[in-house]
Amino acid sequence: MPGRRRKTPFMNRLSMDERQTIIGLLRLNWPERRIARETGFHRATIRRIAFEAAADLSKCTTPGEVATESKPAQVATDPKCTSPPEVPTDSPRSRSVCEPYRGFIESEAAKGRNAVAIYQDLVEHHGYPGAYNAVKRFVGKLRPRDPKISCRFETEPGQEAQVDYGEGAPTRHPRTEKYRRPRLFVMKLSNSRRAFRKVVWNSSSEIWCKLHEEAFAKFGGTPHTIRFDNLKEGVIKPDVYDPQLNPLYAKMLEHYGVIALPCRPYAPDLKGKVESEIGYTQETALKGRRFESIEEQNAHLDRWDERWAMTRIHGTTKRQVRVMFEEEKPYLQQLPLTSFEYYRIGERTVHFDGFIEVEAAYYHAPPHYAGSRVIVHIGRLWIRIIDPKTQQLVREHAVTGKGQRRIVDAYLPKQTPVKVEQLAARIAGAAPAAKPLRKGSSRNAVRLPCAHSTGCSTSCGVTMPLPSIRRARSPQRRALRASSSCALTSRTTPRRSSSRASTASSPRSKRMPCTSPP
């Protein structure tokens, strides 16, 4: 029947009858599409037979004449020439409908325009009667075909690992009870092709780092470098020359002594080993399967890895994966003695009292950060304040309870003025006896001797106001007043005398004895 291909043991071979049928239809100037539709053979096969027939005909000394619409094809008259006549390749029916518009199409294609835009201009401005597919085929033949050449590279044992996410098999979600595809995490050692696989529902910076730790524990060591894609868990800002890594991920790799090598943007072929491992896992271990829980899928992946993935003969290295991993394992770096301590990263504003608030507790920051934003690392037992510009540690505090404060004495402002401190220092070095005030000074003050060496003038000293002593009413304050002004002259009259003589001989003034202990 037309349109069906005859099934033979060798599908890529044609019988002589089929070959002659195709050549006969070509003699009738049938286009390749019509022959393919009637015979069921691919157009590439029909085109190959046409070229072979033309090559065989060129070897003959008396080739036949090419068939046209008015004159049928003539076979060769030389009995030694048994090849078929030349097949017409440039007949009017085999020409593209875009041929009259070749100049316009070539000029537009050189500008980088696609086939859709060229087709629209042909219809609108040139009266093109054909279909879009003809324009697409015509433009495809005009464009140069530059095949992409990839270079395969191999790494030394223990030098590199590649990591990426894929999609797992449909699994019943515990919250919605519907089947969803979890995320498939795969880390692969580039030398031995040993891989670690695990599926998770969600991903975050902490989950991404913990999956790395599980893979390192599975391998029994860490590689020197790790290559990954520009996903947010690993790279915050992709860049060709200076990518910005996720701070938590960078600290985790630093803890294990691994150097991060993010791929260039839009260049996933740089980690082709893990890409092929994801496809191999999806097509072989998870294709057509459903799981009732994510734990069931992880258990299946572990069994499949030990039974099949580790024992297979790798297609590139032609060696068993388990044997190659045993050879690479001594070259891996040793695991650190302590695991990485995870923390959260946030930003806080330093209040004008010098404190930041973290989980309803207050922690002291240097005073020059007041009013600015700082980076805060929130751990389980500590709080770290990081400078946002230099990324250096400013202060570390132990975690405290809600409403409590962690105070640093060095950060407290100086509440006492400098002059008051100087005054207190002079008072501390003063003699125990105080000098009486000179005439004309306030009676509610006492002059204390200075702490200088001998030779000072009589006016040198400090005048201390005593308003609180004068107004004291309690026995304790009276004793304080008496001890502070042993030689103070008390006046019983509220009014002062106007003359010096009256002041010296006033019967109402008397010297109060000192009540302070010797």
Protein backbone atom coordinates (compact mmCIF):
# COMPACT_ATOMS: atom_id res chain seq x y z
CA MET A 1 0.00 0.00 0.00
CA PRO A 2 1.20 3.55 -0.63
CA GLY A 3 2.69 5.28 2.34
CA ARG A 4 3.88 2.08 4.06
CA ARG A 5 7.40 0.78 4.07
CA ARG A 6 8.00 -2.88 3.42
CA LYS A 7 9.45 -4.64 6.44
CA THR A 8 12.64 -6.49 5.61
CA PRO A 9 15.31 -8.07 7.84
CA PHE A 10 17.68 -5.27 6.81
CA MET A 11 15.78 -2.02 6.97
CA ASN A 12 18.67 0.04 5.62
CA ARG A 13 18.83 -1.97 2.36
CA LEU A 14 16.61 -1.61 -0.67
CA SER A 15 15.76 -4.37 -3.06
CA MET A 16 16.43 -3.90 -6.75
CA ASP A 17 12.72 -3.55 -7.49
CA GLU A 18 12.33 -0.77 -4.91
CA ARG A 19 15.38 0.99 -6.26
CA GLN A 20 14.07 0.81 -9.86
CA THR A 21 10.67 2.05 -8.69
CA ILE A 22 12.20 5.16 -7.14
CA ILE A 23 14.32 5.80 -10.25
CA GLY A 24 11.29 5.38 -12.47
CA LEU A 25 9.30 7.92 -10.44
CA LEU A 26 12.21 10.33 -10.65
CA ARG A 27 12.14 9.98 -14.42
CA LEU A 28 8.53 11.10 -14.30
CA ASN A 29 9.71 14.32 -12.60
CA TRP A 30 7.96 13.50 -9.38
CA PRO A 31 9.21 15.62 -6.47
CA GLU A 32 10.89 13.89 -3.57
CA ARG A 33 8.03 14.59 -1.18
CA ARG A 34 5.49 12.88 -3.43
CA ILE A 35 7.75 9.86 -3.93
CA ALA A 36 8.28 9.61 -0.18
CA ARG A 37 4.55 9.82 0.43
CA GLU A 38 3.76 7.12 -2.13
CA THR A 39 6.57 4.67 -1.40
CA GLY A 40 7.04 5.22 2.32
CA PHE A 41 10.78 5.83 2.05
CA HIS A 42 12.54 8.76 3.61
CA ARG A 43 13.42 11.71 1.42
CA ALA A 44 17.08 11.30 2.31
CA THR A 45 16.95 7.76 0.90
CA ILE A 46 15.34 8.98 -2.31
CA ARG A 47 17.92 11.75 -2.63
CA ARG A 48 20.76 9.25 -2.13
CA ILE A 49 19.42 6.98 -4.83
CA ALA A 50 19.18 9.96 -7.18
CA PHE A 51 22.82 10.86 -6.59
CA GLU A 52 23.94 7.26 -7.00
CA ALA A 53 22.02 6.99 -10.25
CA ALA A 54 23.63 10.19 -11.56
CA ALA A 55 27.10 8.93 -10.56
CA ASP A 56 26.59 5.60 -12.29
CA LEU A 57 25.36 7.34 -15.40
CA SER A 58 28.46 9.54 -15.60
CA LYS A 59 30.62 6.42 -16.03
CA CYS A 60 28.78 5.43 -19.22
CA THR A 61 30.17 6.45 -22.63
CA THR A 62 26.73 7.04 -24.17
CA PRO A 63 24.48 8.38 -21.47
CA GLY A 64 20.82 8.83 -22.05
CA GLU A 65 19.14 12.11 -22.52
CA VAL A 66 17.62 13.92 -19.59
CA ALA A 67 13.88 13.77 -19.56
CA THR A 68 11.80 16.89 -19.96
CA GLU A 69 8.12 17.63 -20.04
CA SER A 70 7.95 17.48 -23.86
CA LYS A 71 10.48 14.71 -24.44
CA PRO A 72 10.69 11.49 -22.43
CA ALA A 73 13.97 10.19 -21.12
CA GLN A 74 16.11 7.97 -23.39
CA VAL A 75 18.09 5.09 -22.07
CA ALA A 76 21.71 4.49 -22.98
CA THR A 77 22.32 2.66 -26.25
CA ASP A 78 25.70 1.27 -25.25
CA PRO A 79 25.19 -2.35 -24.20
CA LYS A 80 28.06 -2.06 -21.69
CA CYS A 81 26.31 0.73 -19.87
CA THR A 82 23.79 -0.87 -17.54
CA SER A 83 23.30 2.07 -15.20
CA PRO A 84 20.04 4.03 -15.30
CA PRO A 85 19.78 7.34 -17.06
CA GLU A 86 20.50 10.61 -15.30
CA VAL A 87 17.83 11.72 -12.94
CA PRO A 88 16.60 15.26 -13.40
CA THR A 89 17.55 17.47 -10.48
CA ASP A 90 16.74 20.94 -11.78
CA SER A 91 13.35 20.42 -13.28
CA PRO A 92 10.69 23.13 -12.94
CA ARG A 93 8.72 21.00 -10.52
CA SER A 94 11.70 20.40 -8.18
CA ARG A 95 12.62 24.09 -7.91
CA SER A 96 11.62 25.91 -4.75
CA VAL A 97 8.94 28.56 -4.96
CA CYS A 98 11.39 30.86 -3.13
CA GLU A 99 13.90 30.78 -5.99
CA PRO A 100 12.58 33.96 -7.65
CA TYR A 101 13.07 35.77 -4.36
CA ARG A 102 16.58 34.46 -3.68
CA GLY A 103 18.23 37.88 -3.72
CA PHE A 104 15.84 39.37 -1.18
CA ILE A 105 15.96 36.30 1.09
CA GLU A 106 19.77 36.20 1.03
CA SER A 107 20.07 39.88 1.90
CA GLU A 108 17.59 39.60 4.78
CA ALA A 109 19.16 36.41 6.11
CA ALA A 110 22.56 38.13 6.11
CA LYS A 111 21.09 40.73 8.48
CA GLY A 112 20.28 37.98 10.96
CA ARG A 113 16.50 37.98 10.47
CA ASN A 114 14.64 34.76 11.04
CA ALA A 115 12.46 32.87 8.59
CA VAL A 116 9.20 34.18 10.08
CA ALA A 117 10.12 37.81 9.51
CA ILE A 118 11.33 37.10 5.98
CA TYR A 119 8.12 35.24 5.17
CA GLN A 120 5.98 38.12 6.42
CA ASP A 121 7.86 40.64 4.25
CA LEU A 122 7.61 38.38 1.22
CA VAL A 123 3.85 38.09 1.57
CA GLU A 124 3.26 41.76 2.34
CA HIS A 125 5.64 43.47 -0.08
CA HIS A 126 6.51 40.92 -2.79
CA GLY A 127 3.31 38.95 -3.28
CA TYR A 128 4.81 35.61 -2.24
CA PRO A 129 2.26 32.84 -2.97
CA GLY A 130 3.96 29.94 -1.19
CA ALA A 131 3.88 28.58 2.34
CA TYR A 132 6.01 29.42 5.33
CA ASN A 133 7.66 25.98 5.46
CA ALA A 134 9.18 26.56 2.03
CA VAL A 135 10.76 29.80 3.26
CA LYS A 136 12.03 28.07 6.39
CA ARG A 137 13.69 25.31 4.33
CA PHE A 138 15.16 27.83 1.92
CA VAL A 139 16.59 29.99 4.69
CA GLY A 140 17.99 26.91 6.44
CA LYS A 141 19.99 26.02 3.34
CA LEU A 142 21.42 29.52 3.13
CA ARG A 143 22.68 29.68 6.69
CA PRO A 144 26.19 28.31 7.25
CA ARG A 145 26.34 25.24 9.39
CA ASP A 146 29.12 25.46 11.95
CA PRO A 147 29.07 22.31 14.05
CA LYS A 148 30.01 22.83 17.68
CA ILE A 149 33.17 20.95 18.54
CA SER A 150 33.51 19.94 22.18
CA CYS A 151 36.76 18.95 23.84
CA ARG A 152 36.64 16.09 26.32
CA PHE A 153 38.90 16.56 29.34
CA GLU A 154 39.87 14.14 32.06
CA THR A 155 40.93 15.01 35.62
CA GLU A 156 43.43 13.50 38.00
CA PRO A 157 42.23 11.31 40.88
CA GLY A 158 40.73 13.29 43.74
CA GLN A 159 40.95 16.62 41.94
CA GLU A 160 37.37 17.43 40.95
CA ALA A 161 33.74 16.66 41.66
CA GLN A 162 30.67 17.98 39.82
CA VAL A 163 27.29 18.63 41.41
CA ASP A 164 23.84 19.61 40.18
CA TYR A 165 20.10 19.18 40.68
CA GLY A 166 17.67 17.16 38.55
CA GLU A 167 14.14 15.78 38.87
CA GLY A 168 13.29 12.56 40.66
CA ALA A 169 10.46 10.11 40.08
CA PRO A 170 6.85 10.98 41.01
CA THR A 171 6.42 10.61 44.77
CA ARG A 172 3.38 11.10 46.98
CA HIS A 173 3.71 14.33 48.91
CA PRO A 174 2.95 13.93 52.65
CA ARG A 175 1.00 17.19 52.89
CA THR A 176 -1.09 17.21 49.70
CA GLU A 177 -1.25 13.42 49.14
CA LYS A 178 -0.56 14.08 45.46
CA TYR A 179 2.29 12.82 43.33
CA ARG A 180 5.03 15.35 42.80
CA ARG A 181 8.56 15.17 41.45
CA PRO A 182 11.17 15.92 44.14
CA ARG A 183 14.59 17.39 43.44
CA LEU A 184 17.33 14.89 42.64
CA PHE A 185 20.76 15.86 44.04
CA VAL A 186 23.74 14.24 42.32
CA MET A 187 27.46 14.66 43.08
CA LYS A 188 29.90 12.81 40.84
CA LEU A 189 33.66 12.34 41.10
CA SER A 190 35.09 13.27 37.72
CA ASN A 191 37.85 10.64 37.66
CA SER A 192 36.19 7.43 38.86
CA ARG A 193 32.57 8.38 37.99
CA ARG A 194 31.46 7.44 41.51
CA ALA A 195 28.20 9.27 42.27
CA PHE A 196 26.05 10.14 45.26
CA ARG A 197 22.28 10.53 44.74
CA LYS A 198 19.50 11.73 47.03
CA VAL A 199 16.05 13.25 46.52
CA VAL A 200 14.63 16.06 48.65
CA TRP A 201 11.36 17.96 48.55
CA ASN A 202 12.73 21.47 48.98
CA SER A 203 16.07 23.16 48.68
CA SER A 204 17.78 25.99 50.56
CA SER A 205 21.32 27.09 51.29
CA GLU A 206 21.46 24.93 54.40
CA ILE A 207 19.95 21.86 52.70
CA TRP A 208 22.33 22.31 49.75
CA CYS A 209 25.31 22.37 52.14
CA LYS A 210 24.09 19.37 54.16
CA LEU A 211 23.73 17.33 50.96
CA HIS A 212 27.37 18.11 50.21
CA GLU A 213 28.35 16.89 53.67
CA GLU A 214 26.45 13.63 53.17
CA ALA A 215 28.21 13.10 49.84
CA PHE A 216 31.63 13.77 51.40
CA ALA A 217 30.84 11.27 54.15
CA LYS A 218 29.73 8.71 51.54
CA PHE A 219 32.98 9.10 49.60
CA GLY A 220 35.09 9.05 52.75
CA GLY A 221 36.87 12.28 51.79
CA THR A 222 36.59 15.53 49.87
CA PRO A 223 37.85 16.49 46.41
CA HIS A 224 40.15 19.47 45.96
CA THR A 225 37.72 21.39 43.72
CA ILE A 226 34.01 21.25 43.00
CA ARG A 227 32.27 22.45 39.85
CA PHE A 228 28.61 23.50 39.94
CA ASP A 229 26.01 25.53 38.09
CA ASN A 230 24.93 29.09 38.89
CA LEU A 231 21.96 28.17 41.06
CA LYS A 232 21.01 30.45 43.95
CA GLU A 233 22.09 27.97 46.61
CA GLY A 234 25.67 28.26 45.36
CA VAL A 235 26.03 31.57 43.51
CA ILE A 236 24.20 34.77 44.39
CA LYS A 237 25.48 36.84 41.46
CA PRO A 238 26.82 34.95 38.41
CA ASP A 239 29.70 36.55 36.58
CA VAL A 240 32.34 35.39 34.12
CA TYR A 241 35.27 36.81 36.08
CA ASP A 242 34.09 37.50 39.64
CA PRO A 243 31.01 35.48 40.69
CA GLN A 244 29.60 36.18 44.15
CA LEU A 245 29.23 32.93 46.09
CA ASN A 246 26.60 32.23 48.68
CA PRO A 247 28.27 33.13 52.04
CA LEU A 248 27.06 30.01 53.86
CA TYR A 249 28.12 27.72 50.99
CA ALA A 250 31.53 29.41 50.76
CA LYS A 251 32.12 28.97 54.51
CA MET A 252 31.12 25.31 54.35
CA LEU A 253 33.53 24.61 51.48
CA GLU A 254 36.26 26.50 53.33
CA HIS A 255 35.67 24.31 56.38
CA TYR A 256 36.22 21.17 54.28
CA GLY A 257 39.13 22.62 52.27
CA VAL A 258 37.30 22.54 48.91
CA ILE A 259 37.70 25.25 46.25
CA ALA A 260 34.52 26.33 44.41
CA LEU A 261 34.61 26.51 40.60
CA PRO A 262 31.26 27.87 39.33
CA CYS A 263 30.61 27.40 35.63
CA ARG A 264 30.37 30.33 33.29
CA PRO A 265 26.82 31.56 32.66
CA TYR A 266 25.03 29.61 29.92
CA ALA A 267 27.81 26.99 29.74
CA PRO A 268 26.39 23.80 31.28
CA ASP A 269 28.67 21.62 29.13
CA LEU A 270 31.55 22.44 31.49
CA LYS A 271 30.00 19.97 33.94
CA GLY A 272 28.92 17.38 31.41
CA LYS A 273 29.80 14.41 33.61
CA VAL A 274 27.17 15.19 36.23
CA GLU A 275 24.66 16.14 33.53
CA SER A 276 25.04 12.70 31.94
CA GLU A 277 24.84 11.05 35.37
CA ILE A 278 21.50 12.75 36.05
CA GLY A 279 20.15 11.53 32.72
CA TYR A 280 21.48 8.02 33.35
CA THR A 281 19.79 7.90 36.75
CA GLN A 282 16.48 9.22 35.44
CA GLU A 283 16.33 6.89 32.43
CA THR A 284 17.61 3.73 34.14
CA ALA A 285 16.74 3.83 37.84
CA LEU A 286 13.62 6.04 37.98
CA LYS A 287 11.93 5.78 34.58
CA GLY A 288 8.31 4.61 34.88
CA ARG A 289 8.38 4.28 38.69
CA ARG A 290 6.24 5.83 41.42
CA PHE A 291 6.98 5.95 45.13
CA GLU A 292 4.75 6.44 48.13
CA SER A 293 7.34 8.32 50.15
CA ILE A 294 10.63 10.07 49.59
CA GLU A 295 12.37 7.65 51.96
CA GLU A 296 11.28 4.78 49.72
CA GLN A 297 12.79 6.48 46.68
CA ASN A 298 16.09 7.13 48.48
CA ALA A 299 16.26 3.50 49.61
CA HIS A 300 15.65 2.38 46.03
CA LEU A 301 18.45 4.64 44.78
CA ASP A 302 20.87 3.22 47.35
CA ARG A 303 20.08 -0.38 46.38
CA TRP A 304 20.33 0.40 42.68
CA ASP A 305 23.64 2.19 43.15
CA GLU A 306 25.25 -0.74 44.99
CA ARG A 307 23.81 -3.41 42.69
CA TRP A 308 24.09 -1.82 39.25
CA ALA A 309 25.69 1.62 39.10
CA MET A 310 28.85 0.65 41.00
CA THR A 311 29.32 -2.65 39.16
CA ARG A 312 28.74 -1.38 35.62
CA ILE A 313 31.47 -1.00 33.02
CA HIS A 314 31.59 2.69 32.20
CA GLY A 315 31.12 3.50 28.53
CA THR A 316 34.00 5.99 28.34
CA THR A 317 36.65 4.49 30.59
CA LYS A 318 35.74 0.83 29.78
CA ARG A 319 36.40 -0.04 33.41
CA GLN A 320 34.26 -0.90 36.42
CA VAL A 321 33.23 2.10 38.50
CA ARG A 322 33.90 0.38 41.85
CA VAL A 323 37.47 -0.51 40.90
CA MET A 324 38.19 3.03 39.71
CA PHE A 325 36.74 4.49 42.92
CA GLU A 326 38.98 2.29 45.08
CA GLU A 327 41.95 3.65 43.16
CA GLU A 328 40.81 7.27 43.54
CA LYS A 329 39.83 7.13 47.21
CA PRO A 330 43.41 7.51 48.63
CA TYR A 331 43.75 10.80 46.72
CA LEU A 332 40.75 12.41 48.42
CA GLN A 333 41.31 14.90 51.24
CA GLN A 334 40.63 13.76 54.77
CA LEU A 335 37.46 14.88 56.49
CA PRO A 336 37.84 17.43 59.32
CA LEU A 337 37.44 16.29 62.91
CA THR A 338 34.42 18.54 63.54
CA SER A 339 31.39 19.08 61.37
CA PHE A 340 30.42 22.47 60.03
CA GLU A 341 28.26 24.55 62.38
CA TYR A 342 25.37 26.09 60.47
CA TYR A 343 24.04 29.56 61.06
CA ARG A 344 21.59 32.01 59.57
CA ILE A 345 22.65 35.22 57.86
CA GLY A 346 20.68 38.44 58.27
CA GLU A 347 20.98 42.20 58.47
CA ARG A 348 20.27 44.45 61.43
CA THR A 349 20.31 48.19 62.09
CA VAL A 350 22.44 49.37 64.99
CA HIS A 351 20.26 51.50 67.28
CA PHE A 352 21.48 54.83 68.53
CA ASP A 353 22.14 53.30 71.94
CA GLY A 354 24.68 50.97 70.27
CA PHE A 355 22.65 47.73 70.39
CA ILE A 356 21.18 45.42 67.75
CA GLU A 357 18.12 43.26 68.32
CA VAL A 358 18.28 39.56 67.46
CA GLU A 359 15.40 37.29 68.48
CA ALA A 360 14.18 39.77 71.14
CA ALA A 361 17.64 40.03 72.75
CA TYR A 362 20.09 42.94 72.55
CA TYR A 363 23.78 42.77 71.70
CA HIS A 364 26.34 45.55 71.91
CA ALA A 365 27.98 46.82 68.71
CA PRO A 366 30.83 49.34 68.33
CA PRO A 367 29.48 52.88 68.74
CA HIS A 368 30.64 54.11 65.31
CA TYR A 369 28.13 51.73 63.66
CA ALA A 370 25.17 53.53 65.23
CA GLY A 371 22.44 54.15 62.66
CA SER A 372 24.00 51.88 59.99
CA ARG A 373 23.29 48.35 58.78
CA VAL A 374 25.50 45.40 59.74
CA ILE A 375 25.52 41.72 58.78
CA VAL A 376 24.63 39.28 61.56
CA HIS A 377 25.47 35.56 61.66
CA ILE A 378 23.01 33.83 63.97
CA GLY A 379 24.25 30.52 65.29
CA ARG A 380 22.88 28.15 67.89
CA LEU A 381 25.18 29.38 70.67
CA TRP A 382 26.66 32.64 69.35
CA ILE A 383 25.92 35.86 67.51
CA ARG A 384 28.51 37.41 65.20
CA ILE A 385 28.49 41.00 63.94
CA ILE A 386 30.14 41.38 60.50
CA ASP A 387 31.22 44.60 58.80
CA PRO A 388 29.23 44.88 55.53
CA LYS A 389 32.11 46.44 53.58
CA THR A 390 35.14 44.45 54.67
CA GLN A 391 33.26 41.24 55.64
CA GLN A 392 35.43 41.08 58.76
CA LEU A 393 34.30 39.95 62.20
CA VAL A 394 33.54 42.94 64.46
CA ARG A 395 32.22 41.30 67.61
CA GLU A 396 31.03 37.90 68.80
CA HIS A 397 28.53 37.47 71.65
CA ALA A 398 27.15 34.44 73.42
CA VAL A 399 23.42 33.95 72.91
CA THR A 400 21.29 35.38 75.73
CA GLY A 401 17.62 35.28 76.63
CA LYS A 402 14.80 37.48 75.47
CA GLY A 403 14.89 41.02 76.80
CA GLN A 404 18.43 40.68 78.12
CA ARG A 405 21.49 42.60 76.96
CA ARG A 406 25.08 41.70 76.21
CA ILE A 407 27.09 44.79 77.19
CA VAL A 408 30.72 45.56 76.36
CA ASP A 409 32.24 48.04 78.82
CA ALA A 410 34.61 49.41 76.19
CA TYR A 411 31.64 50.44 74.03
CA LEU A 412 29.90 52.42 76.79
CA PRO A 413 30.01 56.22 76.30
CA LYS A 414 31.94 58.42 78.76
CA GLN A 415 29.16 59.87 80.93
CA THR A 416 31.41 61.97 83.29
CA PRO A 417 32.82 65.19 81.76
CA VAL A 418 36.55 65.64 81.64
CA LYS A 419 36.54 68.66 84.01
CA VAL A 420 34.65 66.74 86.64
CA GLU A 421 37.19 63.92 86.44
CA GLN A 422 40.00 66.44 86.90
CA LEU A 423 38.20 67.94 89.90
CA ALA A 424 37.75 64.54 91.50
CA ALA A 425 41.45 63.84 91.05
CA ARG A 426 42.38 67.08 92.80
CA ILE A 427 39.99 66.36 95.65
CA ALA A 428 41.50 62.91 96.13
CA GLY A 429 44.93 64.47 96.69
CA ALA A 430 43.74 67.30 99.01
CA ALA A 431 44.76 67.65 102.69
CA PRO A 432 42.27 66.57 105.40
CA ALA A 433 41.86 70.13 106.77
CA ALA A 434 40.03 72.73 104.77
CA LYS A 435 40.86 76.43 104.74
CA PRO A 436 38.25 79.00 105.76
CA LEU A 437 36.74 81.14 103.09
CA ARG A 438 37.96 84.62 102.46
CA LYS A 439 35.77 87.55 103.31
CA GLY A 440 33.31 88.23 100.56
CA SER A 441 32.97 84.64 99.38
CA SER A 442 29.81 82.63 99.63
CA ARG A 443 29.04 81.37 103.10
CA ASN A 444 27.49 78.26 101.58
CA ALA A 445 30.84 77.12 100.18
CA VAL A 446 34.14 75.85 101.56
CA ARG A 447 37.59 76.28 100.10
CA LEU A 448 39.71 73.16 100.00
CA PRO A 449 43.50 73.36 99.82
CA CYS A 450 45.15 72.54 96.51
CA ALA A 451 47.29 69.53 95.88
CA HIS A 452 50.18 71.50 94.50
CA SER A 453 53.60 71.82 96.08
CA THR A 454 54.54 74.72 98.36
CA GLY A 455 54.74 78.21 96.99
CA CYS A 456 51.16 78.56 95.80
CA SER A 457 49.25 81.72 96.48
CA THR A 458 46.60 81.93 99.14
CA SER A 459 43.92 82.11 96.49
CA CYS A 460 44.82 78.73 95.08
CA GLY A 461 42.26 76.12 95.90
CA VAL A 462 38.87 74.81 94.99
CA THR A 463 35.62 76.30 96.12
CA MET A 464 33.05 73.58 96.81
CA PRO A 465 29.42 74.73 97.09
CA LEU A 466 27.58 73.32 100.06
CA PRO A 467 23.93 74.02 99.46
CA SER A 468 22.89 70.52 100.46
CA ILE A 469 24.91 70.74 103.71
CA ARG A 470 23.32 74.04 104.67
CA ARG A 471 19.83 72.73 104.12
CA ALA A 472 20.50 69.43 105.83
CA ARG A 473 18.06 68.52 108.60
CA SER A 474 18.87 64.88 109.41
CA PRO A 475 21.53 63.98 112.01
CA GLN A 476 23.58 62.15 109.36
CA ARG A 477 23.75 65.22 107.12
CA ARG A 478 24.60 67.40 110.12
CA ALA A 479 27.54 65.16 110.91
CA LEU A 480 28.61 65.26 107.26
CA ARG A 481 28.45 69.04 107.33
CA ALA A 482 30.47 69.23 110.52
CA SER A 483 33.17 66.86 109.22
CA SER A 484 33.49 68.73 105.92
CA SER A 485 33.74 72.23 107.48
CA CYS A 486 35.74 71.89 110.66
CA ALA A 487 37.10 75.41 110.56
CA LEU A 488 34.03 77.00 109.03
CA THR A 489 32.80 80.03 110.90
CA SER A 490 29.09 79.77 111.67
CA ARG A 491 27.00 82.92 111.97
CA THR A 492 23.94 83.04 114.14
CA THR A 493 22.59 86.18 112.55
CA PRO A 494 21.16 85.94 109.07
CA ARG A 495 22.48 89.38 108.05
CA ARG A 496 26.12 90.26 107.46
CA SER A 497 27.85 93.24 109.07
CA SER A 498 28.74 96.08 106.74
CA SER A 499 32.17 96.95 108.26
CA ARG A 500 35.29 94.94 108.78
CA ALA A 501 35.65 96.02 112.42
CA SER A 502 32.17 94.98 113.31
CA THR A 503 32.75 91.63 111.65
CA ALA A 504 35.90 90.97 113.66
CA SER A 505 34.43 92.03 117.02
CA SER A 506 30.92 90.78 116.59
CA PRO A 507 29.75 89.08 119.79
CA ARG A 508 27.40 86.86 117.81
CA SER A 509 30.16 85.07 115.87
CA LYS A 510 32.12 82.28 117.42
CA ARG A 511 34.50 79.53 116.35
CA MET A 512 32.86 76.10 116.20
CA PRO A 513 35.00 73.29 117.51
CA CYS A 514 35.98 70.47 115.10
CA THR A 515 33.93 67.37 115.64
CA SER A 516 35.84 65.18 113.22
CA PRO A 517 37.94 62.41 114.75
CA PRO A 518 41.67 63.14 115.02
